[in-house]
Amino acid sequence: MAALVAGAWVTRRRRQLDQRPLGRQLLHPDASSSHFAQAICHIADRPARRALPEVDTAPTTVLVGEDSDGRSVLLDLAGAGVTTIEGDEAADLMGAMVTSLACADWAAGTNVTVVGADLAWVTSFDHPGFVHVDQLDEALEGWMRSGAERRRVGGDLDVDAVPEVLVVTDSPSAAQRARLLEALAPGMGLVLPAWKGSERSPEVGERVSATVAEAHLKRGDTRFVPFLIGEPARRALVDLNRVVTGDDTTHAPWWSTDEPPDGIPTIHNRPTITAREEDEMPELLTGTEHPVLLVLGTVELLGTRGESPSKAAKQCAEYCAWILQHPGRTAPAMGQALLVAEGTRRSNMSRLRTWLGASSEGEPYLPDAYTGRIALDARVTSDWEHLQARIAAGVNLTPSQGLVEALELVRGEPFADAAPGQWHWADTWRSDMVSTIRDIALVLAERSVQAGDAETARWALKRGLVAASDDELLISALVSVEASVGNRTEVDRWAVVLTRRVRETGIDLLPETVIALQRAIEGRARTRRV
């Protein structure tokens, strides 16, 4: 379940990044929700739970828990027909079922209607197939029509017919229940609270009883630990979903609101680009005298004076990055942020201290934290800090040579060799790095185009795509540059990348992207009614 939720967040966040306006920063979750997200990613990254089910899953299959061996327990809601849930945790188990439908790739084409105030929060997933209503009567007529049409078609039901799930949190009346059950047809799944009092639940379908500690599927007599989503997890999910699905942005700290200072005739002179192989270390970082952490690509630690650790080197580099980003924090804060036990933290800190070594004056690059505050020697830096130094005036006011030098530091996507779920504390940092690099590339390309320098524009955009490979604004600009020099082969190639992206994500291209494609391929923008 953690892997499904984390995967959905990552996918939606990438969509936001790919269409983010120039000079704007994506919203970030508050501290509490961010810590919740880190915990979810940490759980998803555990080796025993990393793999999702390897069986063929129907579009209405949900994850309901895991057995004593850590294996996922699945339930096909349409296959069961009607699923009744009893026990004190019925509403929280329903919440987990709906979350599974909202996040699982295999359920992307399922229409889900949720009835009742207890699950109103699921609308925060902003899923196109989800509908929430307060009262059952608002959904009942549509449910009846769908069932009647499916039964009428019978065996000729199209295999591509959209499956439907109806989740009802409050006990329906006897008359409502009868109509719900009467409407059931192939491809429809109904989830209800268990019958109360002397009424007996139907013998067909599935019955689930759930407590905090254990749940039970009556069919097959399967016992398992249930997935439950209650407070405060619901509040955190709502906040995180709002952040990763909305269109709101804020002013980016790497973008200046000032006017260019007097005395500078132009901020663009044809820049000098250092010729080097793509996998070669940036010249600006070679021969460094003191340790420097590289995160703009694969994670590496250069210029150390001690022996590299025989194990946990990646974790040591991550610790180094965290300390650089959070100087002066305490050991408990570090352990909480990295979600590691104190013994593990101490061992890796010792390895990192040995690895970094000491300066020529004998000063350790990672001093013992006698004051309780952890910090690195000021001479330990990162390639990200070097990049920031070159755009200190703001991307839009930095001379073009500074933008070139910043892009030359980029070797790939930030944390390129980190597995999904690792560096979970750095998601906000990574988002800002990708956004900054993309804006640098766009600004440099735009200036170069205006100066008639298509070669520098092409170089800038391709450097930006190294860090933001699916960014729509970068690809659209590259299409325009290639069209301006008559390179039809590259125009067609990048146009295919954009149109394929539309099919894969289900997100429309921006209007300006459509116009750029029309001009590049058809020679002009199509006439629009004013």
Protein backbone atom coordinates (compact mmCIF):
# COMPACT_ATOMS: atom_id res chain seq x y z
CA MET A 1 0.00 0.00 0.00
CA ALA A 2 2.85 2.35 0.82
CA ALA A 3 4.42 1.64 -2.57
CA LEU A 4 1.13 2.40 -4.34
CA VAL A 5 0.62 5.69 -2.49
CA ALA A 6 4.24 6.81 -2.90
CA GLY A 7 4.20 5.88 -6.59
CA ALA A 8 1.06 7.95 -7.17
CA TRP A 9 2.64 10.96 -5.49
CA VAL A 10 5.81 10.67 -7.58
CA THR A 11 3.83 10.37 -10.83
CA ARG A 12 1.64 13.38 -10.08
CA ARG A 13 4.57 15.46 -8.88
CA ARG A 14 6.44 14.80 -12.11
CA ARG A 15 3.42 15.97 -14.09
CA GLN A 16 3.44 19.21 -12.12
CA LEU A 17 7.15 19.69 -12.71
CA ASP A 18 6.81 19.07 -16.45
CA GLN A 19 4.33 21.95 -16.89
CA ARG A 20 5.48 24.34 -14.16
CA PRO A 21 5.54 28.01 -15.29
CA LEU A 22 8.94 29.65 -15.65
CA GLY A 23 10.19 31.29 -12.47
CA ARG A 24 7.60 29.65 -10.24
CA GLN A 25 8.10 27.13 -7.44
CA LEU A 26 5.81 24.19 -6.72
CA LEU A 27 4.07 24.21 -3.37
CA HIS A 28 5.58 21.94 -0.73
CA PRO A 29 3.77 20.08 2.07
CA ASP A 30 3.98 21.31 5.66
CA ALA A 31 6.43 19.71 8.09
CA SER A 32 3.95 17.22 9.55
CA SER A 33 2.68 15.97 6.19
CA SER A 34 6.21 15.90 4.79
CA HIS A 35 7.32 13.66 7.65
CA PHE A 36 4.32 11.39 7.01
CA ALA A 37 5.33 11.16 3.34
CA GLN A 38 8.90 10.29 4.34
CA ALA A 39 7.60 7.50 6.55
CA ILE A 40 5.43 6.14 3.72
CA CYS A 41 8.41 6.15 1.34
CA HIS A 42 10.58 4.50 3.99
CA ILE A 43 8.03 1.70 4.41
CA ALA A 44 7.72 1.30 0.65
CA ASP A 45 11.50 0.95 0.37
CA ARG A 46 11.78 -2.02 2.73
CA PRO A 47 13.10 -4.93 0.66
CA ALA A 48 10.50 -7.40 1.93
CA ARG A 49 7.68 -5.10 0.81
CA ARG A 50 9.11 -3.44 -2.27
CA ALA A 51 7.49 -5.73 -4.85
CA LEU A 52 3.85 -5.22 -5.73
CA PRO A 53 1.69 -8.28 -6.46
CA GLU A 54 3.02 -10.30 -9.39
CA VAL A 55 -0.32 -11.89 -10.23
CA ASP A 56 -2.71 -10.66 -12.92
CA THR A 57 -4.88 -8.15 -11.14
CA ALA A 58 -8.40 -7.24 -12.25
CA PRO A 59 -9.19 -3.50 -12.51
CA THR A 60 -11.30 -3.71 -9.34
CA THR A 61 -8.67 -5.49 -7.25
CA VAL A 62 -7.74 -3.79 -3.98
CA LEU A 63 -5.02 -4.35 -1.40
CA VAL A 64 -6.65 -5.01 1.96
CA GLY A 65 -3.68 -6.11 4.07
CA GLU A 66 -0.80 -8.52 4.39
CA ASP A 67 -0.50 -11.99 5.88
CA SER A 68 1.95 -13.17 8.53
CA ASP A 69 4.60 -13.73 5.83
CA GLY A 70 4.35 -10.14 4.55
CA ARG A 71 2.51 -11.13 1.35
CA SER A 72 -0.18 -8.85 -0.03
CA VAL A 73 -3.79 -9.89 0.53
CA LEU A 74 -5.90 -8.97 -2.50
CA LEU A 75 -9.65 -8.76 -3.03
CA ASP A 76 -11.36 -8.38 -6.41
CA LEU A 77 -14.45 -6.34 -5.63
CA ALA A 78 -16.21 -7.00 -8.94
CA GLY A 79 -15.27 -10.67 -8.73
CA ALA A 80 -16.88 -10.87 -5.30
CA GLY A 81 -19.94 -8.93 -6.43
CA VAL A 82 -20.92 -7.72 -2.98
CA THR A 83 -18.45 -7.28 -0.13
CA THR A 84 -19.76 -6.63 3.36
CA ILE A 85 -17.47 -5.27 6.07
CA GLU A 86 -18.03 -5.60 9.79
CA GLY A 87 -16.05 -4.61 12.86
CA ASP A 88 -14.91 -1.43 14.57
CA GLU A 89 -12.49 -0.56 11.76
CA ALA A 90 -14.90 -0.95 8.83
CA ALA A 91 -14.69 2.71 7.73
CA ASP A 92 -10.89 2.77 7.93
CA LEU A 93 -10.64 -0.45 5.90
CA MET A 94 -12.99 1.06 3.29
CA GLY A 95 -10.67 4.07 3.18
CA ALA A 96 -7.74 1.77 2.43
CA MET A 97 -9.71 0.02 -0.32
CA VAL A 98 -10.58 3.31 -2.00
CA THR A 99 -6.98 4.54 -1.64
CA SER A 100 -5.81 1.36 -3.38
CA LEU A 101 -8.21 2.00 -6.26
CA ALA A 102 -7.03 5.63 -6.49
CA CYS A 103 -3.32 4.79 -6.63
CA ALA A 104 -2.93 1.41 -8.37
CA ASP A 105 -2.07 1.44 -12.07
CA TRP A 106 -4.25 -1.60 -12.71
CA ALA A 107 -7.31 0.29 -11.40
CA ALA A 108 -6.78 3.42 -13.52
CA GLY A 109 -9.81 2.70 -15.72
CA THR A 110 -12.26 1.91 -12.92
CA ASN A 111 -15.15 4.23 -12.05
CA VAL A 112 -15.58 4.53 -8.29
CA THR A 113 -18.53 6.12 -6.49
CA VAL A 114 -18.14 6.73 -2.76
CA VAL A 115 -21.19 7.44 -0.62
CA GLY A 116 -21.08 8.99 2.84
CA ALA A 117 -19.35 11.73 4.80
CA ASP A 118 -16.79 9.35 6.33
CA LEU A 119 -14.99 9.00 2.98
CA ALA A 120 -15.45 12.51 1.60
CA TRP A 121 -11.68 12.97 1.95
CA VAL A 122 -11.00 10.59 -0.98
CA THR A 123 -11.87 13.38 -3.41
CA SER A 124 -8.45 14.84 -2.60
CA PHE A 125 -6.93 12.19 -4.89
CA ASP A 126 -8.35 14.19 -7.83
CA HIS A 127 -8.94 10.94 -9.72
CA PRO A 128 -11.01 11.35 -12.93
CA GLY A 129 -12.93 8.15 -12.22
CA PHE A 130 -13.92 9.08 -8.66
CA VAL A 131 -17.24 10.57 -7.59
CA HIS A 132 -18.33 11.33 -4.04
CA VAL A 133 -21.94 11.89 -2.98
CA ASP A 134 -23.40 12.44 0.48
CA GLN A 135 -26.56 10.37 0.13
CA LEU A 136 -27.06 6.92 -1.39
CA ASP A 137 -30.14 8.03 -3.36
CA GLU A 138 -27.86 10.34 -5.40
CA ALA A 139 -25.97 7.30 -6.74
CA LEU A 140 -28.67 4.66 -6.75
CA GLU A 141 -30.37 5.49 -10.05
CA GLY A 142 -27.11 5.50 -12.00
CA TRP A 143 -26.13 2.18 -10.37
CA MET A 144 -29.48 0.65 -11.37
CA ARG A 145 -29.18 1.87 -14.98
CA SER A 146 -25.66 0.53 -15.32
CA GLY A 147 -26.66 -2.87 -13.97
CA ALA A 148 -29.68 -3.08 -16.25
CA GLU A 149 -27.61 -2.23 -19.32
CA ARG A 150 -24.95 -4.79 -18.44
CA ARG A 151 -27.55 -7.52 -17.95
CA ARG A 152 -29.25 -6.57 -21.21
CA VAL A 153 -26.01 -6.97 -23.15
CA GLY A 154 -25.24 -10.17 -21.26
CA GLY A 155 -22.56 -12.29 -22.90
CA ASP A 156 -21.93 -9.60 -25.51
CA LEU A 157 -20.54 -7.23 -22.86
CA ASP A 158 -17.53 -5.45 -24.35
CA VAL A 159 -14.31 -6.57 -22.71
CA ASP A 160 -13.37 -2.88 -22.60
CA ALA A 161 -16.49 -1.93 -20.63
CA VAL A 162 -15.49 0.28 -17.71
CA PRO A 163 -15.76 -1.61 -14.41
CA GLU A 164 -17.65 0.08 -11.59
CA VAL A 165 -17.30 0.06 -7.81
CA LEU A 166 -19.80 1.54 -5.36
CA VAL A 167 -18.61 2.01 -1.76
CA VAL A 168 -21.29 2.86 0.82
CA THR A 169 -20.12 3.81 4.31
CA ASP A 170 -23.51 4.11 6.05
CA SER A 171 -25.92 1.20 6.35
CA PRO A 172 -28.60 1.51 3.64
CA SER A 173 -32.25 0.90 4.29
CA ALA A 174 -33.72 -2.51 3.48
CA ALA A 175 -35.32 -1.11 0.31
CA GLN A 176 -32.10 0.54 -0.83
CA ARG A 177 -30.15 -2.61 -0.13
CA ALA A 178 -32.54 -4.70 -2.18
CA ARG A 179 -32.18 -2.36 -5.17
CA LEU A 180 -28.37 -2.32 -4.84
CA LEU A 181 -28.18 -6.11 -4.88
CA GLU A 182 -30.73 -6.41 -7.68
CA ALA A 183 -28.62 -4.16 -9.92
CA LEU A 184 -25.42 -6.20 -9.59
CA ALA A 185 -24.03 -7.41 -12.90
CA PRO A 186 -20.64 -8.51 -14.28
CA GLY A 187 -17.97 -5.84 -13.86
CA MET A 188 -19.68 -4.25 -10.84
CA GLY A 189 -18.43 -4.36 -7.26
CA LEU A 190 -20.46 -3.28 -4.23
CA VAL A 191 -18.95 -2.58 -0.79
CA LEU A 192 -21.36 -2.21 2.13
CA PRO A 193 -21.37 -2.27 5.93
CA ALA A 194 -22.42 -5.66 7.29
CA TRP A 195 -26.10 -6.23 7.93
CA LYS A 196 -27.07 -5.19 11.47
CA GLY A 197 -29.26 -6.78 14.11
CA SER A 198 -31.29 -9.80 13.10
CA GLU A 199 -30.73 -9.21 9.39
CA ARG A 200 -28.39 -11.66 7.72
CA SER A 201 -25.81 -10.66 5.14
CA PRO A 202 -26.19 -12.45 1.80
CA GLU A 203 -24.35 -15.73 1.54
CA VAL A 204 -22.92 -14.76 -1.85
CA GLY A 205 -19.91 -12.49 -2.19
CA GLU A 206 -17.28 -11.77 0.44
CA ARG A 207 -17.50 -10.91 4.14
CA VAL A 208 -14.67 -9.11 5.90
CA SER A 209 -14.36 -8.50 9.63
CA ALA A 210 -11.71 -6.03 10.72
CA THR A 211 -10.15 -4.94 13.99
CA VAL A 212 -6.94 -3.01 14.50
CA ALA A 213 -4.93 -6.18 14.99
CA GLU A 214 -6.52 -8.66 12.60
CA ALA A 215 -8.95 -9.02 9.72
CA HIS A 216 -10.67 -12.07 8.30
CA LEU A 217 -11.86 -12.90 4.78
CA LYS A 218 -14.65 -15.42 5.27
CA ARG A 219 -14.25 -16.89 1.80
CA GLY A 220 -11.11 -19.01 1.99
CA ASP A 221 -10.83 -18.38 5.75
CA THR A 222 -7.90 -15.95 5.24
CA ARG A 223 -6.59 -14.08 8.27
CA PHE A 224 -4.33 -11.06 7.84
CA VAL A 225 -3.22 -7.70 9.23
CA PRO A 226 -5.52 -5.10 7.65
CA PHE A 227 -4.51 -1.86 5.98
CA LEU A 228 -6.41 0.86 7.83
CA ILE A 229 -6.46 4.58 7.02
CA GLY A 230 -7.74 6.66 9.91
CA GLU A 231 -6.80 9.94 11.55
CA PRO A 232 -4.28 11.56 11.34
CA ALA A 233 -3.26 9.70 8.17
CA ARG A 234 -6.35 11.00 6.37
CA ARG A 235 -5.41 14.61 7.14
CA ALA A 236 -1.87 14.04 5.87
CA LEU A 237 -3.15 12.35 2.69
CA VAL A 238 -5.51 15.26 2.01
CA ASP A 239 -2.70 17.81 2.45
CA LEU A 240 -0.23 15.83 0.33
CA ASN A 241 -2.78 15.18 -2.41
CA ARG A 242 -3.62 18.88 -2.48
CA VAL A 243 0.05 19.72 -2.96
CA VAL A 244 0.77 17.14 -5.70
CA THR A 245 -2.44 17.56 -7.71
CA GLY A 246 -3.04 21.33 -7.63
CA ASP A 247 -1.90 23.99 -10.07
CA ASP A 248 -0.93 26.59 -7.47
CA THR A 249 2.68 27.80 -7.41
CA THR A 250 4.62 30.49 -5.61
CA HIS A 251 7.47 32.84 -6.56
CA ALA A 252 10.69 30.86 -6.97
CA PRO A 253 13.61 31.90 -4.74
CA TRP A 254 16.01 31.42 -7.68
CA TRP A 255 14.13 34.07 -9.71
CA SER A 256 14.71 37.78 -9.13
CA THR A 257 11.90 40.33 -9.05
CA ASP A 258 14.39 43.21 -9.41
CA GLU A 259 15.13 45.16 -12.55
CA PRO A 260 18.58 44.68 -14.15
CA PRO A 261 21.03 47.05 -12.42
CA ASP A 262 22.27 50.14 -14.24
CA GLY A 263 25.64 49.98 -15.90
CA ILE A 264 25.24 46.49 -17.35
CA PRO A 265 24.68 46.89 -21.09
CA THR A 266 23.52 43.33 -21.60
CA ILE A 267 23.35 40.10 -19.65
CA HIS A 268 23.86 38.06 -22.79
CA ASN A 269 27.10 37.88 -24.66
CA ARG A 270 27.82 34.74 -26.64
CA PRO A 271 29.02 32.42 -23.84
CA THR A 272 31.94 30.01 -23.90
CA ILE A 273 30.99 26.36 -23.45
CA THR A 274 33.69 24.01 -22.23
CA ALA A 275 33.87 21.06 -24.61
CA ARG A 276 33.84 17.79 -22.68
CA GLU A 277 32.34 14.32 -22.79
CA GLU A 278 28.96 13.92 -21.13
CA ASP A 279 30.27 11.52 -18.49
CA GLU A 280 33.40 13.59 -17.74
CA MET A 281 33.61 15.36 -14.39
CA PRO A 282 32.86 19.11 -14.69
CA GLU A 283 36.06 21.13 -14.96
CA LEU A 284 34.84 23.48 -12.25
CA LEU A 285 35.02 20.63 -9.70
CA THR A 286 38.21 18.82 -10.72
CA GLY A 287 41.24 19.18 -8.52
CA THR A 288 39.16 20.35 -5.56
CA GLU A 289 41.25 20.94 -2.44
CA HIS A 290 38.48 20.12 0.01
CA PRO A 291 35.63 17.56 -0.01
CA VAL A 292 32.76 18.27 -2.36
CA LEU A 293 29.56 16.25 -2.58
CA LEU A 294 28.08 15.73 -6.05
CA VAL A 295 24.30 15.32 -6.20
CA LEU A 296 23.51 16.73 -9.68
CA GLY A 297 23.67 13.27 -11.24
CA THR A 298 25.05 10.19 -9.56
CA VAL A 299 25.95 10.81 -5.92
CA GLU A 300 29.72 11.01 -5.34
CA LEU A 301 32.00 12.41 -2.67
CA LEU A 302 35.25 13.89 -4.05
CA GLY A 303 38.32 15.36 -2.43
CA THR A 304 38.17 13.30 0.75
CA ARG A 305 41.30 12.82 2.85
CA GLY A 306 40.38 9.52 4.52
CA GLU A 307 39.69 5.94 3.52
CA SER A 308 36.42 5.19 1.77
CA PRO A 309 34.11 2.99 3.90
CA SER A 310 33.91 -0.68 2.93
CA LYS A 311 30.15 -0.65 3.46
CA ALA A 312 27.30 1.87 3.70
CA ALA A 313 29.18 4.39 1.50
CA LYS A 314 25.89 5.50 -0.13
CA GLN A 315 24.33 6.07 3.28
CA CYS A 316 27.38 8.05 4.39
CA ALA A 317 27.05 10.29 1.34
CA GLU A 318 23.36 10.78 2.18
CA TYR A 319 24.30 11.76 5.75
CA CYS A 320 26.77 14.27 4.34
CA ALA A 321 24.05 15.77 2.15
CA TRP A 322 21.60 16.01 5.05
CA ILE A 323 24.13 17.80 7.25
CA LEU A 324 24.97 20.24 4.44
CA GLN A 325 21.27 21.03 4.09
CA HIS A 326 20.59 21.14 7.85
CA PRO A 327 23.73 22.50 9.60
CA GLY A 328 23.60 22.82 13.35
CA ARG A 329 20.78 20.30 13.90
CA THR A 330 20.82 17.74 16.71
CA ALA A 331 21.34 13.99 16.61
CA PRO A 332 17.65 13.22 17.45
CA ALA A 333 16.51 15.53 14.63
CA MET A 334 18.86 13.78 12.22
CA GLY A 335 17.67 10.32 13.27
CA GLN A 336 14.04 11.33 12.92
CA ALA A 337 14.57 12.90 9.49
CA LEU A 338 16.53 9.94 8.12
CA LEU A 339 14.30 7.40 9.90
CA VAL A 340 17.26 5.44 11.25
CA ALA A 341 18.02 3.93 14.65
CA GLU A 342 20.52 5.78 16.82
CA GLY A 343 23.03 2.92 16.64
CA THR A 344 22.93 2.95 12.83
CA ARG A 345 23.27 6.73 12.77
CA ARG A 346 26.32 6.69 15.06
CA SER A 347 28.05 3.96 13.04
CA ASN A 348 27.54 5.76 9.73
CA MET A 349 28.59 9.11 11.21
CA SER A 350 31.85 7.48 12.33
CA ARG A 351 32.39 6.08 8.84
CA LEU A 352 31.68 9.48 7.27
CA ARG A 353 34.05 11.24 9.67
CA THR A 354 36.85 8.82 8.76
CA TRP A 355 36.08 9.11 5.05
CA LEU A 356 36.14 12.91 4.99
CA GLY A 357 39.36 13.04 7.02
CA ALA A 358 41.01 16.29 8.05
CA SER A 359 42.36 19.39 6.35
CA SER A 360 46.07 20.07 5.93
CA GLU A 361 45.86 22.04 9.19
CA GLY A 362 44.60 18.92 10.99
CA GLU A 363 41.01 20.16 11.37
CA PRO A 364 38.46 17.31 10.90
CA TYR A 365 35.94 18.01 8.18
CA LEU A 366 33.24 16.49 10.41
CA PRO A 367 34.04 17.57 13.97
CA ASP A 368 32.66 15.73 16.98
CA ALA A 369 29.41 17.37 18.03
CA TYR A 370 30.41 18.18 21.61
CA THR A 371 27.82 20.98 21.73
CA GLY A 372 25.09 18.66 20.53
CA ARG A 373 24.93 20.43 17.17
CA ILE A 374 26.11 18.62 14.05
CA ALA A 375 27.88 20.58 11.31
CA LEU A 376 30.53 20.11 8.65
CA ASP A 377 33.60 22.26 8.17
CA ALA A 378 32.64 25.29 6.06
CA ARG A 379 35.06 24.15 3.35
CA VAL A 380 32.97 21.05 2.61
CA THR A 381 30.63 21.97 -0.23
CA SER A 382 28.38 20.46 -2.90
CA ASP A 383 27.95 20.92 -6.62
CA TRP A 384 24.48 22.28 -5.87
CA GLU A 385 26.02 25.06 -3.77
CA HIS A 386 28.45 25.82 -6.61
CA LEU A 387 25.48 26.06 -8.99
CA GLN A 388 23.61 28.36 -6.62
CA ALA A 389 26.64 30.62 -6.34
CA ARG A 390 26.61 31.16 -10.10
CA ILE A 391 22.96 32.29 -10.14
CA ALA A 392 23.01 34.28 -6.90
CA ALA A 393 21.55 37.33 -8.66
CA GLY A 394 18.59 35.28 -9.87
CA VAL A 395 18.39 33.14 -12.98
CA ASN A 396 16.79 35.91 -15.00
CA LEU A 397 19.52 38.45 -14.06
CA THR A 398 22.58 36.19 -14.20
CA PRO A 399 24.83 36.82 -17.23
CA SER A 400 24.69 34.02 -19.76
CA GLN A 401 28.23 32.84 -19.02
CA GLY A 402 27.14 32.19 -15.43
CA LEU A 403 24.17 30.17 -16.69
CA VAL A 404 26.49 28.10 -18.87
CA GLU A 405 28.80 27.41 -15.94
CA ALA A 406 25.81 26.38 -13.84
CA LEU A 407 24.54 23.96 -16.51
CA GLU A 408 28.02 22.49 -16.92
CA LEU A 409 27.72 21.19 -13.35
CA VAL A 410 24.72 19.05 -14.27
CA ARG A 411 25.63 15.41 -14.95
CA GLY A 412 22.15 13.87 -14.76
CA GLU A 413 18.98 13.92 -12.70
CA PRO A 414 19.63 14.81 -9.04
CA PHE A 415 20.38 11.67 -7.00
CA ALA A 416 20.38 9.71 -10.26
CA ASP A 417 21.55 6.45 -8.66
CA ALA A 418 19.22 6.55 -5.64
CA ALA A 419 16.57 3.83 -5.64
CA PRO A 420 12.90 4.93 -5.45
CA GLY A 421 12.10 5.60 -1.83
CA GLN A 422 15.67 6.43 -0.85
CA TRP A 423 16.59 10.02 -0.01
CA HIS A 424 12.93 10.41 0.90
CA TRP A 425 13.73 13.43 3.09
CA ALA A 426 15.14 15.26 0.04
CA ASP A 427 12.05 15.22 -2.21
CA THR A 428 11.47 18.96 -1.78
CA TRP A 429 15.16 19.66 -2.36
CA ARG A 430 15.20 17.52 -5.49
CA SER A 431 12.09 19.23 -6.85
CA ASP A 432 13.71 22.65 -6.43
CA MET A 433 16.97 21.47 -8.04
CA VAL A 434 15.15 20.12 -11.12
CA SER A 435 13.07 23.30 -11.33
CA THR A 436 16.10 25.58 -11.07
CA ILE A 437 18.07 23.68 -13.72
CA ARG A 438 15.12 23.73 -16.09
CA ASP A 439 14.63 27.48 -15.66
CA ILE A 440 18.35 28.12 -16.27
CA ALA A 441 18.16 26.12 -19.50
CA LEU A 442 15.04 27.93 -20.72
CA VAL A 443 16.41 31.41 -19.98
CA LEU A 444 19.75 30.70 -21.66
CA ALA A 445 18.00 29.16 -24.68
CA GLU A 446 15.64 32.11 -25.05
CA ARG A 447 18.48 34.62 -24.93
CA SER A 448 20.49 32.57 -27.42
CA VAL A 449 17.58 32.35 -29.86
CA GLN A 450 17.10 36.12 -29.68
CA ALA A 451 20.82 36.53 -30.45
CA GLY A 452 20.62 34.14 -33.39
CA ASP A 453 22.74 31.52 -31.63
CA ALA A 454 20.82 28.31 -32.23
CA GLU A 455 23.77 26.12 -31.25
CA THR A 456 23.96 27.48 -27.69
CA ALA A 457 20.17 27.31 -27.40
CA ARG A 458 20.20 23.63 -28.43
CA TRP A 459 23.01 22.89 -25.97
CA ALA A 460 21.20 24.61 -23.10
CA LEU A 461 17.93 22.80 -23.70
CA LYS A 462 19.61 19.40 -23.94
CA ARG A 463 21.52 20.11 -20.72
CA GLY A 464 18.20 20.94 -19.08
CA LEU A 465 16.69 17.69 -20.34
CA VAL A 466 19.51 15.78 -18.67
CA ALA A 467 17.93 16.76 -15.32
CA ALA A 468 14.28 17.11 -16.42
CA SER A 469 13.89 14.52 -19.15
CA ASP A 470 10.11 14.88 -19.67
CA ASP A 471 9.76 18.62 -19.22
CA GLU A 472 7.21 19.95 -21.67
CA LEU A 473 8.57 23.51 -21.88
CA LEU A 474 12.10 22.28 -22.62
CA ILE A 475 10.96 19.88 -25.35
CA SER A 476 8.64 22.47 -26.87
CA ALA A 477 11.48 25.02 -27.00
CA LEU A 478 13.80 22.44 -28.54
CA VAL A 479 11.22 21.71 -31.26
CA SER A 480 11.13 25.43 -32.10
CA VAL A 481 14.94 25.69 -32.19
CA GLU A 482 15.31 22.67 -34.47
CA ALA A 483 12.58 24.03 -36.74
CA SER A 484 14.36 27.38 -36.97
CA VAL A 485 17.45 25.70 -38.45
CA GLY A 486 15.46 23.38 -40.72
CA ASN A 487 16.28 20.16 -38.86
CA ARG A 488 13.06 18.32 -39.67
CA THR A 489 14.31 14.96 -38.41
CA GLU A 490 14.82 16.32 -34.90
CA VAL A 491 11.54 18.24 -35.05
CA ASP A 492 9.66 15.04 -35.81
CA ARG A 493 11.54 13.09 -33.14
CA TRP A 494 10.78 15.53 -30.34
CA ALA A 495 7.21 16.04 -31.53
CA VAL A 496 6.68 12.28 -31.18
CA VAL A 497 8.10 12.45 -27.64
CA LEU A 498 5.54 15.11 -26.73
CA THR A 499 2.54 13.39 -28.30
CA ARG A 500 3.51 10.05 -26.73
CA ARG A 501 3.72 11.81 -23.38
CA VAL A 502 0.11 12.95 -23.81
CA ARG A 503 -1.07 9.39 -24.38
CA GLU A 504 0.89 8.02 -21.42
CA THR A 505 -0.10 10.64 -18.85
CA GLY A 506 -3.58 11.60 -20.02
CA ILE A 507 -2.64 15.27 -19.53
CA ASP A 508 -3.31 17.83 -22.28
CA LEU A 509 -0.41 19.79 -23.74
CA LEU A 510 -0.21 23.44 -22.81
CA PRO A 511 -1.78 25.78 -25.44
CA GLU A 512 1.62 27.36 -26.16
CA THR A 513 3.10 23.89 -26.76
CA VAL A 514 0.37 23.10 -29.29
CA ILE A 515 1.08 26.38 -31.10
CA ALA A 516 4.83 25.66 -31.14
CA LEU A 517 4.19 22.23 -32.68
CA GLN A 518 1.88 23.68 -35.32
CA ARG A 519 4.43 26.30 -36.30
CA ALA A 520 7.27 23.77 -36.40
CA ILE A 521 5.44 21.08 -38.38
CA GLU A 522 2.81 23.00 -40.40
CA GLY A 523 4.66 26.30 -40.79
CA ARG A 524 2.09 28.38 -38.91
CA ALA A 525 -0.30 28.37 -36.00
CA ARG A 526 -3.84 27.39 -36.93
CA THR A 527 -6.44 30.16 -36.95
CA ARG A 528 -8.41 30.47 -33.74
CA ARG A 529 -11.70 32.23 -33.18
CA VAL A 530 -11.25 35.35 -31.06
